[in-house]
Protein backbone atom coordinates (compact mmCIF):
# COMPACT_ATOMS: atom_id res chain seq x y z
CA MET A 1 131.91 78.80 123.50
CA THR A 2 129.12 80.19 121.29
CA PHE A 3 125.63 81.02 122.53
CA ARG A 4 122.61 81.92 120.47
CA ILE A 5 120.09 84.09 122.32
CA LEU A 6 116.54 83.09 121.47
CA SER A 7 114.61 85.52 123.63
CA SER A 8 115.07 88.32 126.12
CA ALA A 9 113.95 85.98 128.93
CA LEU A 10 116.78 83.59 128.07
CA LEU A 11 119.23 86.50 127.98
CA VAL A 12 118.22 87.63 131.48
CA THR A 13 118.42 84.05 132.77
CA ALA A 14 121.83 83.49 131.16
CA LEU A 15 123.26 86.73 132.55
CA SER A 16 121.89 86.05 136.03
CA ALA A 17 123.31 82.54 136.05
CA CYS A 18 126.74 83.89 135.11
CA GLY A 19 126.64 86.49 137.89
CA GLY A 20 126.13 89.37 135.45
CA ALA A 21 124.24 92.45 136.53
CA VAL A 22 120.89 92.90 134.80
CA ASN A 23 119.51 96.38 135.27
CA HIS A 24 117.47 96.58 132.08
CA PRO A 25 116.64 93.38 130.25
CA ALA A 26 117.58 93.56 126.61
CA GLU A 27 114.73 93.29 124.21
CA VAL A 28 115.62 90.87 121.48
CA VAL A 29 113.38 90.74 118.44
CA PHE A 30 113.91 87.79 116.14
CA ASP A 31 111.88 87.94 112.97
CA GLY A 32 113.41 84.92 111.32
CA PRO A 33 115.90 84.42 108.54
CA GLU A 34 115.89 86.55 105.41
CA LYS A 35 115.81 83.62 102.98
CA ALA A 36 114.67 80.01 102.76
CA VAL A 37 114.91 77.37 100.04
CA ALA A 38 113.35 74.04 99.10
CA TYR A 39 115.07 71.70 96.66
CA LEU A 40 112.38 69.71 94.88
CA ALA A 41 112.75 65.97 94.29
CA PRO A 42 110.45 63.88 92.12
CA THR A 43 108.00 61.46 93.65
CA GLU A 44 108.01 57.85 92.44
CA GLY A 45 107.36 57.55 88.70
CA ASN A 46 108.24 61.19 88.03
CA GLU A 47 111.97 60.83 87.53
CA GLY A 48 113.44 63.56 85.35
CA LEU A 49 111.60 66.33 87.18
CA SER A 50 113.62 68.72 89.34
CA GLY A 51 113.58 72.23 90.71
CA TYR A 52 113.89 74.56 93.63
CA VAL A 53 111.88 77.30 95.30
CA THR A 54 113.31 80.27 97.17
CA PHE A 55 111.47 82.41 99.70
CA GLN A 56 112.98 85.86 100.37
CA LYS A 57 111.71 88.54 102.74
CA SER A 58 110.77 91.77 100.98
CA ASP A 59 109.06 95.00 101.97
CA ASP A 60 105.80 93.67 100.49
CA GLY A 61 105.84 90.17 102.00
CA ILE A 62 107.65 86.98 101.04
CA HIS A 63 109.02 86.92 97.48
CA ILE A 64 108.65 83.44 95.98
CA MET A 65 110.76 82.29 93.04
CA ALA A 66 110.26 78.79 91.63
CA HIS A 67 112.40 77.13 88.97
CA ILE A 68 111.20 73.71 87.82
CA GLU A 69 112.29 71.53 84.89
CA GLY A 70 110.85 68.49 83.13
CA LEU A 71 107.10 69.18 83.26
CA GLU A 72 104.76 68.71 80.33
CA PRO A 73 104.97 71.76 78.04
CA ASN A 74 102.37 74.50 78.57
CA SER A 75 100.75 72.90 81.60
CA ASP A 76 99.45 74.28 84.90
CA HIS A 77 100.32 72.66 88.21
CA GLY A 78 99.02 73.25 91.73
CA PHE A 79 101.72 74.79 93.91
CA HIS A 80 101.40 74.65 97.70
CA VAL A 81 103.16 74.70 101.03
CA HIS A 82 102.15 71.52 102.87
CA GLN A 83 101.89 70.94 106.62
CA PHE A 84 104.85 68.64 107.24
CA GLY A 85 108.47 68.82 106.14
CA ASP A 86 108.45 65.15 105.24
CA CYS A 87 108.84 64.03 101.63
CA SER A 88 109.78 60.43 102.49
CA ALA A 89 106.65 58.72 101.13
CA ALA A 90 107.07 57.53 97.54
CA ASN A 91 103.97 59.52 96.52
CA GLY A 92 104.72 62.59 98.68
CA THR A 93 101.71 62.12 100.97
CA SER A 94 103.94 62.23 104.06
CA ALA A 95 103.95 66.02 103.59
CA GLY A 96 100.33 66.03 104.79
CA GLY A 97 97.68 68.46 103.59
CA HIS A 98 98.00 72.13 102.74
CA PHE A 99 99.51 74.29 105.49
CA ASN A 100 96.42 75.82 107.10
CA PRO A 101 97.07 77.11 110.65
CA GLU A 102 94.02 79.40 110.54
CA GLY A 103 91.53 76.64 109.61
CA LEU A 104 90.26 78.47 106.52
CA PRO A 105 88.80 77.02 103.30
CA HIS A 106 90.98 76.34 100.26
CA GLY A 107 91.46 79.25 97.88
CA GLY A 108 94.03 81.05 95.80
CA PRO A 109 96.76 83.63 96.38
CA GLY A 110 94.42 86.59 95.89
CA TYR A 111 91.71 85.28 98.24
CA ASP A 112 91.17 86.87 101.66
CA ALA A 113 90.19 83.51 103.18
CA ARG A 114 92.57 80.74 102.13
CA HIS A 115 95.08 78.26 103.46
CA VAL A 116 98.42 79.95 104.18
CA GLY A 117 99.94 77.32 101.89
CA ASP A 118 97.68 78.03 98.89
CA LEU A 119 100.08 79.50 96.34
CA GLY A 120 97.98 78.88 93.24
CA ASN A 121 99.51 77.39 90.10
CA VAL A 122 102.78 77.41 88.22
CA THR A 123 102.74 77.24 84.41
CA SER A 124 105.35 75.51 82.29
CA MET A 125 106.64 77.00 79.05
CA ASP A 126 107.09 75.23 75.69
CA SER A 127 110.29 73.70 77.07
CA GLY A 128 108.53 72.22 80.13
CA MET A 129 110.40 74.64 82.38
CA VAL A 130 108.73 76.87 84.97
CA HIS A 131 109.99 80.24 86.08
CA HIS A 132 107.47 81.63 88.55
CA GLU A 133 107.73 84.70 90.76
CA ALA A 134 105.16 86.10 93.18
CA VAL A 135 104.93 87.96 96.48
CA ASP A 136 102.76 86.52 99.23
CA THR A 137 101.61 88.38 102.35
CA LYS A 138 100.40 85.35 104.37
CA LEU A 139 103.68 83.40 104.46
CA ALA A 140 106.16 84.09 107.27
CA MET A 141 109.58 82.94 108.45
CA VAL A 142 108.54 82.84 112.15
CA GLY A 143 105.34 82.51 114.15
CA GLU A 144 102.09 80.74 113.39
CA ASN A 145 102.45 81.15 109.60
CA SER A 146 106.10 80.08 109.45
CA ILE A 147 106.91 77.96 106.42
CA LEU A 148 110.29 76.80 107.76
CA GLY A 149 110.47 73.04 108.10
CA ARG A 150 107.35 72.52 106.00
CA ALA A 151 107.24 71.17 102.42
CA VAL A 152 106.61 72.64 98.99
CA VAL A 153 104.61 70.37 96.68
CA VAL A 154 104.02 70.67 92.93
CA HIS A 155 100.94 68.72 91.81
CA ALA A 156 100.15 66.88 88.57
CA GLY A 157 97.13 69.02 87.72
CA GLN A 158 95.86 72.55 87.89
CA ASP A 159 94.52 73.90 91.19
CA ASP A 160 90.96 75.13 90.53
CA MET A 161 91.26 77.27 93.71
CA ASN A 162 87.73 76.32 94.65
CA SER A 163 87.31 72.58 95.33
CA GLN A 164 87.61 71.72 99.02
CA PRO A 165 89.93 70.98 100.66
CA THR A 166 92.71 70.83 98.04
CA GLY A 167 91.69 72.48 94.76
CA ALA A 168 91.51 69.12 92.90
CA ALA A 169 95.16 69.47 91.78
CA GLY A 170 95.81 65.72 91.71
CA SER A 171 98.83 63.67 92.68
CA ARG A 172 102.14 65.06 93.89
CA LEU A 173 104.94 65.28 91.31
CA LEU A 174 107.64 67.05 93.33
CA CYS A 175 108.28 67.62 97.01
CA GLY A 176 110.93 69.55 98.92
CA VAL A 177 111.46 70.59 102.54
CA ILE A 178 111.84 74.33 103.22
CA GLY A 179 115.02 75.20 105.08
CA VAL A 180 116.99 78.31 106.02
CA ALA A 181 119.29 79.60 103.25
CA GLU A 182 122.16 82.07 103.21
């Protein structure tokens, strides 16, 4: 039988229930997985688009790497983590608005006050492919700012990083749910 200990309180309870002696409760610190991934699927009418985004813990924050194919050449696209891990609506709106647990105004990655999910823009090359890398200090794998189970959305237009509440980035081209990766 396999058990996964989620907290020190559960450990103490489990040991007590099994008749185990508990002199000093173990302190278990879980800071989440090391890596997460979202595989991006096109919304209705955007067939031919595809991609993925990885999120990896680093000493400086969460390292983001996005690879997207099929976009218009040399174009900018809003790139956000959205509230819900639901990409079932044909237009991607089931993912909700930008992930914003702190209730702050919309902004960009370099802004002090911004939605946790505001990741700025990705830019396609001549081929229509995006390779984007950044490190973000607001994203997390656990706690209030956890991105696990939420969605990544790539928008049709550029995020102006100013217009409220979404940066005027337009419709949703791609959507993918963020899950734990090996």
